[in-house]
Amino acid sequence: MKECKRLMVVMLFAVLLLQSSSAQAQLRYESSLTFAAGAYAASGFGTNHYLGARYNYFFLGGKYFVEASLGISSLRSRVLESVSKLQLFESQRLYSYEFVVAYDANPAGYLPYLDVGVAGINQGGQTSFAGVVGLGKRIPLTGFLGSNQFGVRYDIRDQIFSQKFNNTDSFISHNIAFTVGFQLYF
């Protein structure tokens, strides 16, 4: 029963994505600014709210773009708090900044764009360098508020880096960020 509900949600999301992607892409604008919110799953710490801002510069008809982004989240973990009173970091704040390049084979089509880049992650005062891979989709809101300058987008990104706690062996960590944002083209 639970798996059936999950399948229905995935199918509904796929239908909405395919239906809304058929609008014309916002290719005449060179830049965009996105404000996004979502979830950030820090490896070993659970999932917390995530807020971010992104700046994009588009080129070659919108098929390619570069992006700089800044995100804020938390390392709060109910599991670690209930199991252990040990504090691994100076604070529970998490900041990330990313620089990515993306390829969108068909900006007005159904397929998501792919991106790759680098990130800096500050987890509770400890800074790490990460590689980033992900995908997403820009969905223009043609005619919204009488303009073609608005859109919605979603992104799923994996920040991959080496992490080490209390003089233990280092391990590969995968922090996953899922965001949905409001995009302004200019």
N, C-alpha and C. Protein backbone atom coordinates (compact mmCIF):
# COMPACT_ATOMS: atom_id res chain seq x y z
N MET A 1 0.82 -1.18 0.00
CA MET A 1 0.00 0.00 0.00
C MET A 1 0.87 1.26 0.00
N LYS A 2 1.91 1.24 0.85
CA LYS A 2 2.81 2.39 0.95
C LYS A 2 3.56 2.60 -0.35
N GLU A 3 4.00 1.49 -0.98
CA GLU A 3 4.73 1.59 -2.24
C GLU A 3 3.81 2.09 -3.35
N CYS A 4 2.55 1.72 -3.31
CA CYS A 4 1.58 2.18 -4.30
C CYS A 4 1.40 3.69 -4.22
N LYS A 5 1.32 4.21 -3.00
CA LYS A 5 1.19 5.66 -2.82
C LYS A 5 2.44 6.38 -3.35
N ARG A 6 3.60 5.85 -3.05
CA ARG A 6 4.85 6.45 -3.55
C ARG A 6 4.87 6.47 -5.07
N LEU A 7 4.47 5.35 -5.68
CA LEU A 7 4.45 5.26 -7.13
C LEU A 7 3.49 6.28 -7.72
N MET A 8 2.34 6.47 -7.09
CA MET A 8 1.38 7.45 -7.57
C MET A 8 1.92 8.87 -7.48
N VAL A 9 2.62 9.18 -6.39
CA VAL A 9 3.22 10.51 -6.23
C VAL A 9 4.28 10.74 -7.30
N VAL A 10 5.12 9.75 -7.54
CA VAL A 10 6.17 9.86 -8.57
C VAL A 10 5.53 10.05 -9.94
N MET A 11 4.49 9.29 -10.23
CA MET A 11 3.83 9.42 -11.53
C MET A 11 3.18 10.79 -11.69
N LEU A 12 2.55 11.30 -10.63
CA LEU A 12 1.94 12.62 -10.68
C LEU A 12 3.00 13.69 -10.93
N PHE A 13 4.12 13.59 -10.22
CA PHE A 13 5.22 14.53 -10.41
C PHE A 13 5.73 14.48 -11.85
N ALA A 14 5.87 13.27 -12.41
CA ALA A 14 6.36 13.13 -13.78
C ALA A 14 5.39 13.74 -14.78
N VAL A 15 4.09 13.53 -14.59
CA VAL A 15 3.10 14.11 -15.49
C VAL A 15 3.13 15.63 -15.43
N LEU A 16 3.18 16.18 -14.21
CA LEU A 16 3.24 17.64 -14.07
C LEU A 16 4.51 18.21 -14.70
N LEU A 17 5.62 17.52 -14.52
CA LEU A 17 6.88 17.96 -15.10
C LEU A 17 6.81 17.94 -16.62
N LEU A 18 6.31 16.88 -17.20
CA LEU A 18 6.23 16.78 -18.65
C LEU A 18 5.24 17.79 -19.23
N GLN A 19 4.15 17.99 -18.56
CA GLN A 19 3.14 18.92 -19.05
C GLN A 19 3.63 20.36 -18.98
N SER A 20 4.28 20.75 -17.89
CA SER A 20 4.71 22.13 -17.73
C SER A 20 5.96 22.44 -18.52
N SER A 21 6.72 21.43 -18.92
CA SER A 21 7.95 21.68 -19.67
C SER A 21 7.70 21.98 -21.13
N SER A 22 6.48 21.83 -21.59
CA SER A 22 6.21 22.04 -23.00
C SER A 22 6.15 23.50 -23.39
N ALA A 23 6.16 24.42 -22.41
CA ALA A 23 6.15 25.85 -22.72
C ALA A 23 7.49 26.26 -23.32
N GLN A 24 7.48 27.38 -24.01
CA GLN A 24 8.71 27.86 -24.61
C GLN A 24 9.70 28.34 -23.55
N ALA A 25 10.97 28.05 -23.74
CA ALA A 25 11.99 28.45 -22.78
C ALA A 25 12.28 29.94 -22.91
N GLN A 26 12.80 30.50 -21.84
CA GLN A 26 13.13 31.92 -21.78
C GLN A 26 14.54 32.13 -22.35
N LEU A 27 14.72 32.01 -23.65
CA LEU A 27 16.04 32.05 -24.24
C LEU A 27 16.52 33.46 -24.57
N ARG A 28 15.64 34.43 -24.58
CA ARG A 28 16.08 35.76 -24.98
C ARG A 28 16.76 36.52 -23.85
N TYR A 29 16.73 35.99 -22.65
CA TYR A 29 17.39 36.65 -21.53
C TYR A 29 18.76 36.04 -21.30
N GLU A 30 19.70 36.85 -20.89
CA GLU A 30 21.07 36.37 -20.67
C GLU A 30 21.31 35.88 -19.25
N SER A 31 20.54 36.40 -18.29
CA SER A 31 20.80 36.10 -16.88
C SER A 31 19.51 35.78 -16.14
N SER A 32 19.68 35.19 -14.98
CA SER A 32 18.54 34.97 -14.10
C SER A 32 19.01 34.94 -12.66
N LEU A 33 18.08 35.22 -11.78
CA LEU A 33 18.30 35.16 -10.34
C LEU A 33 17.20 34.28 -9.77
N THR A 34 17.57 33.31 -8.95
CA THR A 34 16.62 32.37 -8.38
C THR A 34 16.70 32.39 -6.86
N PHE A 35 15.54 32.41 -6.23
CA PHE A 35 15.45 32.23 -4.78
C PHE A 35 14.78 30.89 -4.56
N ALA A 36 15.44 30.02 -3.80
CA ALA A 36 14.98 28.64 -3.68
C ALA A 36 14.88 28.20 -2.23
N ALA A 37 14.03 27.22 -2.01
CA ALA A 37 13.89 26.59 -0.70
C ALA A 37 13.73 25.09 -0.93
N GLY A 38 14.12 24.33 0.08
CA GLY A 38 14.00 22.89 -0.08
C GLY A 38 14.55 22.15 1.12
N ALA A 39 15.16 21.01 0.82
CA ALA A 39 15.69 20.12 1.86
C ALA A 39 17.16 19.85 1.59
N TYR A 40 17.93 19.76 2.67
CA TYR A 40 19.35 19.46 2.58
C TYR A 40 19.62 18.25 3.47
N ALA A 41 20.05 17.16 2.86
CA ALA A 41 20.34 15.92 3.58
C ALA A 41 21.85 15.81 3.77
N ALA A 42 22.33 16.23 4.94
CA ALA A 42 23.75 16.14 5.26
C ALA A 42 24.05 14.71 5.69
N SER A 43 25.00 14.10 5.04
CA SER A 43 25.33 12.70 5.29
C SER A 43 25.59 12.45 6.77
N GLY A 44 24.78 11.59 7.37
CA GLY A 44 24.95 11.23 8.77
C GLY A 44 24.24 12.15 9.74
N PHE A 45 23.63 13.23 9.28
CA PHE A 45 22.99 14.19 10.18
C PHE A 45 21.50 14.34 9.96
N GLY A 46 20.96 13.72 8.94
CA GLY A 46 19.55 13.85 8.67
C GLY A 46 19.27 14.99 7.70
N THR A 47 17.99 15.28 7.54
CA THR A 47 17.55 16.26 6.56
C THR A 47 16.99 17.49 7.28
N ASN A 48 17.37 18.66 6.78
CA ASN A 48 16.92 19.93 7.34
C ASN A 48 16.49 20.86 6.22
N HIS A 49 15.84 21.97 6.60
CA HIS A 49 15.43 22.98 5.63
C HIS A 49 16.66 23.61 4.97
N TYR A 50 16.47 24.10 3.76
CA TYR A 50 17.55 24.71 3.00
C TYR A 50 17.02 25.93 2.27
N LEU A 51 17.74 27.03 2.33
CA LEU A 51 17.42 28.25 1.61
C LEU A 51 18.61 28.62 0.75
N GLY A 52 18.35 29.10 -0.45
CA GLY A 52 19.45 29.43 -1.33
C GLY A 52 19.11 30.51 -2.34
N ALA A 53 20.15 31.08 -2.91
CA ALA A 53 20.02 32.05 -4.00
C ALA A 53 21.01 31.65 -5.08
N ARG A 54 20.58 31.80 -6.35
CA ARG A 54 21.42 31.40 -7.48
C ARG A 54 21.41 32.49 -8.54
N TYR A 55 22.60 32.71 -9.12
CA TYR A 55 22.71 33.60 -10.27
C TYR A 55 23.17 32.76 -11.45
N ASN A 56 22.47 32.89 -12.60
CA ASN A 56 22.82 32.15 -13.82
C ASN A 56 23.15 33.11 -14.94
N TYR A 57 24.11 32.70 -15.76
CA TYR A 57 24.40 33.40 -17.02
C TYR A 57 24.27 32.36 -18.13
N PHE A 58 23.37 32.63 -19.10
CA PHE A 58 23.08 31.71 -20.19
C PHE A 58 23.85 32.09 -21.45
N PHE A 59 24.27 31.08 -22.21
CA PHE A 59 24.90 31.34 -23.50
C PHE A 59 24.59 30.21 -24.46
N LEU A 60 24.85 30.45 -25.74
CA LEU A 60 24.56 29.51 -26.82
C LEU A 60 23.08 29.11 -26.83
N GLY A 61 22.21 30.11 -26.84
CA GLY A 61 20.78 29.88 -26.92
C GLY A 61 20.16 29.26 -25.69
N GLY A 62 20.82 29.37 -24.56
CA GLY A 62 20.29 28.82 -23.32
C GLY A 62 20.63 27.37 -23.09
N LYS A 63 21.36 26.75 -24.04
CA LYS A 63 21.73 25.34 -23.86
C LYS A 63 22.79 25.16 -22.78
N TYR A 64 23.60 26.16 -22.56
CA TYR A 64 24.64 26.12 -21.53
C TYR A 64 24.42 27.28 -20.58
N PHE A 65 24.79 27.08 -19.34
CA PHE A 65 24.82 28.19 -18.41
C PHE A 65 25.82 27.92 -17.30
N VAL A 66 26.29 29.00 -16.73
CA VAL A 66 27.15 28.93 -15.55
C VAL A 66 26.35 29.50 -14.39
N GLU A 67 26.67 29.01 -13.21
CA GLU A 67 25.88 29.41 -12.04
C GLU A 67 26.77 29.56 -10.82
N ALA A 68 26.44 30.56 -10.03
CA ALA A 68 27.04 30.75 -8.70
C ALA A 68 25.88 30.73 -7.72
N SER A 69 26.03 29.99 -6.63
CA SER A 69 24.94 29.91 -5.67
C SER A 69 25.45 29.91 -4.24
N LEU A 70 24.58 30.31 -3.34
CA LEU A 70 24.87 30.33 -1.91
C LEU A 70 23.68 29.72 -1.20
N GLY A 71 23.93 28.80 -0.26
CA GLY A 71 22.86 28.13 0.46
C GLY A 71 23.13 28.09 1.95
N ILE A 72 22.05 28.05 2.72
CA ILE A 72 22.14 28.02 4.18
C ILE A 72 21.24 26.89 4.68
N SER A 73 21.77 26.10 5.62
CA SER A 73 21.00 25.02 6.22
C SER A 73 21.48 24.81 7.65
N SER A 74 21.20 23.64 8.19
CA SER A 74 21.55 23.31 9.56
C SER A 74 22.06 21.88 9.64
N LEU A 75 22.82 21.59 10.68
CA LEU A 75 23.29 20.23 10.93
C LEU A 75 22.54 19.58 12.08
N ARG A 76 21.45 20.17 12.47
CA ARG A 76 20.67 19.64 13.60
C ARG A 76 20.23 18.21 13.29
N SER A 77 20.46 17.32 14.24
CA SER A 77 20.09 15.91 14.07
C SER A 77 19.45 15.40 15.35
N ARG A 78 18.18 15.08 15.27
CA ARG A 78 17.47 14.56 16.45
C ARG A 78 18.05 13.21 16.87
N VAL A 79 18.49 12.43 15.90
CA VAL A 79 19.06 11.12 16.21
C VAL A 79 20.33 11.27 17.03
N LEU A 80 21.27 12.09 16.57
CA LEU A 80 22.52 12.29 17.31
C LEU A 80 22.27 12.93 18.67
N GLU A 81 21.30 13.85 18.74
CA GLU A 81 20.99 14.50 20.01
C GLU A 81 20.42 13.51 21.02
N SER A 82 19.62 12.55 20.57
CA SER A 82 19.02 11.59 21.50
C SER A 82 19.98 10.46 21.87
N VAL A 83 20.88 10.09 20.96
CA VAL A 83 21.81 8.99 21.22
C VAL A 83 23.02 9.47 22.01
N SER A 84 23.52 10.63 21.66
CA SER A 84 24.76 11.11 22.27
C SER A 84 24.66 12.60 22.53
N LYS A 85 25.26 13.03 23.60
CA LYS A 85 25.32 14.46 23.92
C LYS A 85 26.59 15.09 23.33
N LEU A 86 27.36 14.30 22.58
CA LEU A 86 28.59 14.77 21.97
C LEU A 86 28.28 15.76 20.85
N GLN A 87 28.97 16.87 20.87
CA GLN A 87 28.81 17.86 19.81
C GLN A 87 30.02 17.77 18.89
N LEU A 88 29.78 17.44 17.61
CA LEU A 88 30.86 17.25 16.66
C LEU A 88 31.40 18.57 16.10
N PHE A 89 30.56 19.59 16.04
CA PHE A 89 30.95 20.86 15.45
C PHE A 89 30.76 22.00 16.45
N GLU A 90 31.41 23.12 16.15
CA GLU A 90 31.28 24.31 16.99
C GLU A 90 29.86 24.85 16.98
N SER A 91 29.18 24.75 15.84
CA SER A 91 27.80 25.22 15.71
C SER A 91 27.03 24.25 14.83
N GLN A 92 25.74 24.49 14.69
CA GLN A 92 24.91 23.63 13.85
C GLN A 92 24.63 24.28 12.49
N ARG A 93 25.30 25.36 12.18
CA ARG A 93 25.07 26.04 10.91
C ARG A 93 25.81 25.35 9.78
N LEU A 94 25.19 25.39 8.61
CA LEU A 94 25.81 24.86 7.40
C LEU A 94 25.65 25.89 6.29
N TYR A 95 26.75 26.24 5.66
CA TYR A 95 26.75 27.14 4.51
C TYR A 95 27.39 26.41 3.34
N SER A 96 26.84 26.61 2.16
CA SER A 96 27.48 26.05 0.98
C SER A 96 27.45 27.08 -0.14
N TYR A 97 28.52 27.10 -0.91
CA TYR A 97 28.55 27.92 -2.12
C TYR A 97 29.02 27.03 -3.25
N GLU A 98 28.39 27.21 -4.41
CA GLU A 98 28.67 26.36 -5.55
C GLU A 98 28.96 27.19 -6.79
N PHE A 99 29.80 26.65 -7.64
CA PHE A 99 30.05 27.18 -8.97
C PHE A 99 29.92 26.01 -9.93
N VAL A 100 28.90 26.05 -10.78
CA VAL A 100 28.64 24.93 -11.67
C VAL A 100 28.49 25.42 -13.11
N VAL A 101 28.68 24.48 -14.03
CA VAL A 101 28.38 24.69 -15.44
C VAL A 101 27.36 23.62 -15.80
N ALA A 102 26.36 24.00 -16.61
CA ALA A 102 25.28 23.08 -16.92
C ALA A 102 25.03 23.02 -18.41
N TYR A 103 24.48 21.88 -18.83
CA TYR A 103 24.11 21.66 -20.22
C TYR A 103 22.65 21.22 -20.26
N ASP A 104 21.86 21.96 -21.04
CA ASP A 104 20.45 21.65 -21.23
C ASP A 104 20.26 21.37 -22.72
N ALA A 105 20.17 20.10 -23.09
CA ALA A 105 20.10 19.71 -24.50
C ALA A 105 18.93 20.35 -25.23
N ASN A 106 17.81 20.51 -24.56
CA ASN A 106 16.63 21.12 -25.16
C ASN A 106 15.92 21.94 -24.09
N PRO A 107 16.23 23.24 -23.98
CA PRO A 107 15.65 24.07 -22.92
C PRO A 107 14.13 24.07 -22.90
N ALA A 108 13.47 23.88 -24.05
CA ALA A 108 12.01 23.87 -24.09
C ALA A 108 11.44 22.45 -24.02
N GLY A 109 12.31 21.47 -23.84
CA GLY A 109 11.86 20.08 -23.85
C GLY A 109 11.60 19.52 -22.48
N TYR A 110 11.52 18.19 -22.46
CA TYR A 110 11.12 17.49 -21.24
C TYR A 110 12.30 17.03 -20.39
N LEU A 111 13.45 16.86 -20.99
CA LEU A 111 14.59 16.32 -20.26
C LEU A 111 15.23 17.39 -19.37
N PRO A 112 15.72 16.98 -18.20
CA PRO A 112 16.37 17.94 -17.31
C PRO A 112 17.77 18.29 -17.80
N TYR A 113 18.27 19.39 -17.31
CA TYR A 113 19.66 19.73 -17.60
C TYR A 113 20.56 19.00 -16.61
N LEU A 114 21.81 18.86 -16.99
CA LEU A 114 22.82 18.22 -16.14
C LEU A 114 23.84 19.27 -15.76
N ASP A 115 24.32 19.22 -14.53
CA ASP A 115 25.34 20.18 -14.12
C ASP A 115 26.46 19.49 -13.35
N VAL A 116 27.61 20.13 -13.39
CA VAL A 116 28.79 19.65 -12.69
C VAL A 116 29.59 20.86 -12.24
N GLY A 117 30.24 20.76 -11.10
CA GLY A 117 31.01 21.90 -10.62
C GLY A 117 31.72 21.61 -9.31
N VAL A 118 32.00 22.69 -8.60
CA VAL A 118 32.71 22.61 -7.33
C VAL A 118 31.91 23.37 -6.27
N ALA A 119 32.18 23.03 -5.01
CA ALA A 119 31.49 23.68 -3.91
C ALA A 119 32.43 23.82 -2.73
N GLY A 120 32.13 24.80 -1.92
CA GLY A 120 32.76 24.96 -0.62
C GLY A 120 31.66 24.75 0.40
N ILE A 121 31.92 23.92 1.39
CA ILE A 121 30.92 23.61 2.40
C ILE A 121 31.51 23.92 3.77
N ASN A 122 30.81 24.75 4.52
CA ASN A 122 31.22 25.06 5.89
C ASN A 122 30.20 24.41 6.80
N GLN A 123 30.58 23.31 7.42
CA GLN A 123 29.72 22.57 8.34
C GLN A 123 30.18 22.87 9.76
N GLY A 124 29.44 23.70 10.45
CA GLY A 124 29.73 23.97 11.85
C GLY A 124 31.11 24.52 12.11
N GLY A 125 31.66 25.28 11.17
CA GLY A 125 32.99 25.86 11.34
C GLY A 125 34.09 25.11 10.62
N GLN A 126 33.83 23.91 10.13
CA GLN A 126 34.82 23.15 9.38
C GLN A 126 34.52 23.28 7.89
N THR A 127 35.51 23.72 7.13
CA THR A 127 35.32 23.95 5.71
C THR A 127 35.88 22.79 4.89
N SER A 128 35.11 22.38 3.88
CA SER A 128 35.52 21.30 2.98
C SER A 128 35.31 21.73 1.54
N PHE A 129 36.13 21.20 0.66
CA PHE A 129 35.99 21.40 -0.77
C PHE A 129 35.24 20.19 -1.32
N ALA A 130 34.27 20.42 -2.22
CA ALA A 130 33.45 19.32 -2.72
C ALA A 130 33.30 19.39 -4.23
N GLY A 131 33.05 18.24 -4.83
CA GLY A 131 32.63 18.17 -6.21
C GLY A 131 31.11 18.13 -6.23
N VAL A 132 30.50 18.66 -7.28
CA VAL A 132 29.04 18.73 -7.36
C VAL A 132 28.58 18.11 -8.67
N VAL A 133 27.57 17.25 -8.60
CA VAL A 133 26.88 16.73 -9.78
C VAL A 133 25.39 16.85 -9.51
N GLY A 134 24.63 17.10 -10.56
CA GLY A 134 23.19 17.23 -10.34
C GLY A 134 22.41 17.36 -11.62
N LEU A 135 21.13 17.60 -11.43
CA LEU A 135 20.22 17.82 -12.55
C LEU A 135 19.11 18.74 -12.08
N GLY A 136 18.39 19.28 -13.04
CA GLY A 136 17.29 20.17 -12.72
C GLY A 136 16.52 20.54 -13.97
N LYS A 137 15.54 21.40 -13.82
CA LYS A 137 14.75 21.84 -14.97
C LYS A 137 14.23 23.24 -14.71
N ARG A 138 14.30 24.07 -15.75
CA ARG A 138 13.72 25.42 -15.73
C ARG A 138 12.37 25.34 -16.42
N ILE A 139 11.35 25.85 -15.78
CA ILE A 139 10.00 25.83 -16.34
C ILE A 139 9.51 27.28 -16.41
N PRO A 140 9.46 27.86 -17.61
CA PRO A 140 9.03 29.25 -17.73
C PRO A 140 7.54 29.42 -17.41
N LEU A 141 7.22 30.54 -16.82
CA LEU A 141 5.82 30.89 -16.54
C LEU A 141 5.41 31.96 -17.53
N THR A 142 5.17 31.56 -18.75
CA THR A 142 4.84 32.47 -19.83
C THR A 142 3.55 33.21 -19.51
N GLY A 143 3.61 34.54 -19.57
CA GLY A 143 2.45 35.37 -19.32
C GLY A 143 2.13 35.61 -17.86
N PHE A 144 2.93 35.10 -16.96
CA PHE A 144 2.69 35.30 -15.52
C PHE A 144 2.89 36.77 -15.18
N LEU A 145 1.91 37.40 -14.58
CA LEU A 145 1.91 38.82 -14.25
C LEU A 145 2.16 39.68 -15.48
N GLY A 146 1.70 39.20 -16.64
CA GLY A 146 1.83 39.96 -17.89
C GLY A 146 3.24 40.03 -18.43
N SER A 147 4.12 39.11 -18.02
CA SER A 147 5.52 39.15 -18.44
C SER A 147 6.00 37.74 -18.74
N ASN A 148 7.09 37.65 -19.49
CA ASN A 148 7.75 36.38 -19.76
C ASN A 148 9.07 36.27 -18.99
N GLN A 149 9.22 37.06 -17.95
CA GLN A 149 10.47 37.10 -17.21
C GLN A 149 10.50 36.18 -15.99
N PHE A 150 9.46 35.39 -15.77
CA PHE A 150 9.39 34.57 -14.56
C PHE A 150 9.39 33.10 -14.90
N GLY A 151 9.88 32.32 -13.94
CA GLY A 151 9.89 30.89 -14.11
C GLY A 151 10.02 30.18 -12.77
N VAL A 152 9.87 28.88 -12.83
CA VAL A 152 10.06 28.01 -11.68
C VAL A 152 11.13 27.00 -12.07
N ARG A 153 11.90 26.57 -11.12
CA ARG A 153 12.90 25.55 -11.41
C ARG A 153 13.07 24.64 -10.22
N TYR A 154 13.53 23.43 -10.51
CA TYR A 154 13.89 22.51 -9.44
C TYR A 154 15.32 22.05 -9.69
N ASP A 155 16.00 21.70 -8.63
CA ASP A 155 17.38 21.20 -8.71
C ASP A 155 17.57 20.08 -7.70
N ILE A 156 18.35 19.09 -8.08
CA ILE A 156 18.79 18.03 -7.18
C ILE A 156 20.30 17.96 -7.36
N ARG A 157 21.02 18.16 -6.27
CA ARG A 157 22.49 18.18 -6.35
C ARG A 157 23.11 17.29 -5.28
N ASP A 158 24.22 16.67 -5.65
CA ASP A 158 25.00 15.85 -4.72
C ASP A 158 26.35 16.53 -4.54
N GLN A 159 26.65 16.91 -3.31
CA GLN A 159 27.95 17.50 -2.98
C GLN A 159 28.80 16.38 -2.38
N ILE A 160 29.87 16.01 -3.07
CA ILE A 160 30.69 14.85 -2.70
C ILE A 160 32.03 15.35 -2.17
N PHE A 161 32.38 14.94 -0.95
CA PHE A 161 33.63 15.39 -0.35
C PHE A 161 34.13 14.40 0.69
N SER A 162 35.37 14.57 1.10
CA SER A 162 35.98 13.72 2.11
C SER A 162 35.79 14.38 3.48
N GLN A 163 35.36 13.60 4.45
CA GLN A 163 35.07 14.13 5.78
C GLN A 163 35.78 13.30 6.84
N LYS A 164 36.11 13.95 7.96
CA LYS A 164 36.82 13.28 9.04
C LYS A 164 36.33 13.84 10.37
N PHE A 165 36.07 12.96 11.35
CA PHE A 165 35.63 13.37 12.68
C PHE A 165 36.57 12.85 13.74
N ASN A 166 36.95 13.68 14.67
CA ASN A 166 37.70 13.29 15.88
C ASN A 166 38.83 12.30 15.62
N ASN A 167 39.72 12.65 14.71
CA ASN A 167 40.91 11.84 14.40
C ASN A 167 40.58 10.43 13.93
N THR A 168 39.43 10.23 13.30
CA THR A 168 39.09 8.93 12.72
C THR A 168 39.51 8.94 11.26
N ASP A 169 39.39 7.79 10.62
CA ASP A 169 39.70 7.72 9.19
C ASP A 169 38.70 8.57 8.41
N SER A 170 39.17 9.17 7.34
CA SER A 170 38.26 9.98 6.53
C SER A 170 37.37 9.07 5.69
N PHE A 171 36.23 9.59 5.31
CA PHE A 171 35.27 8.84 4.51
C PHE A 171 34.63 9.80 3.51
N ILE A 172 34.08 9.22 2.45
CA ILE A 172 33.42 10.02 1.43
C ILE A 172 31.99 10.32 1.89
N SER A 173 31.63 11.58 1.84
CA SER A 173 30.32 12.04 2.28
C SER A 173 29.54 12.56 1.09
N HIS A 174 28.24 12.26 1.06
CA HIS A 174 27.34 12.75 0.01
C HIS A 174 26.26 13.59 0.67
N ASN A 175 26.30 14.88 0.47
CA ASN A 175 25.23 15.76 0.94
C ASN A 175 24.33 16.07 -0.25
N ILE A 176 23.05 15.78 -0.10
CA ILE A 176 22.09 15.94 -1.19
C ILE A 176 21.21 17.16 -0.90
N ALA A 177 21.09 18.04 -1.90
CA ALA A 177 20.22 19.21 -1.78
C ALA A 177 19.13 19.12 -2.85
N PHE A 178 17.88 19.27 -2.42
CA PHE A 178 16.74 19.33 -3.34
C PHE A 178 16.06 20.66 -3.12
N THR A 179 15.94 21.46 -4.18
CA THR A 179 15.31 22.77 -4.04
C THR A 179 14.31 23.03 -5.16
N VAL A 180 13.35 23.87 -4.86
CA VAL A 180 12.40 24.39 -5.83
C VAL A 180 12.47 25.90 -5.67
N GLY A 181 12.59 26.61 -6.79
CA GLY A 181 12.78 28.05 -6.70
C GLY A 181 11.98 28.86 -7.69
N PHE A 182 11.88 30.13 -7.39
CA PHE A 182 11.23 31.11 -8.26
C PHE A 182 12.35 31.86 -9.00
N GLN A 183 12.28 31.89 -10.32
CA GLN A 183 13.36 32.41 -11.14
C GLN A 183 12.91 33.69 -11.85
N LEU A 184 13.78 34.70 -11.83
CA LEU A 184 13.54 35.96 -12.51
C LEU A 184 14.60 36.12 -13.59
N TYR A 185 14.17 36.20 -14.86
CA TYR A 185 15.08 36.37 -15.99
C TYR A 185 15.25 37.87 -16.27
N PHE A 186 16.47 38.24 -16.63
CA PHE A 186 16.72 39.64 -17.02
C PHE A 186 17.84 39.73 -18.03
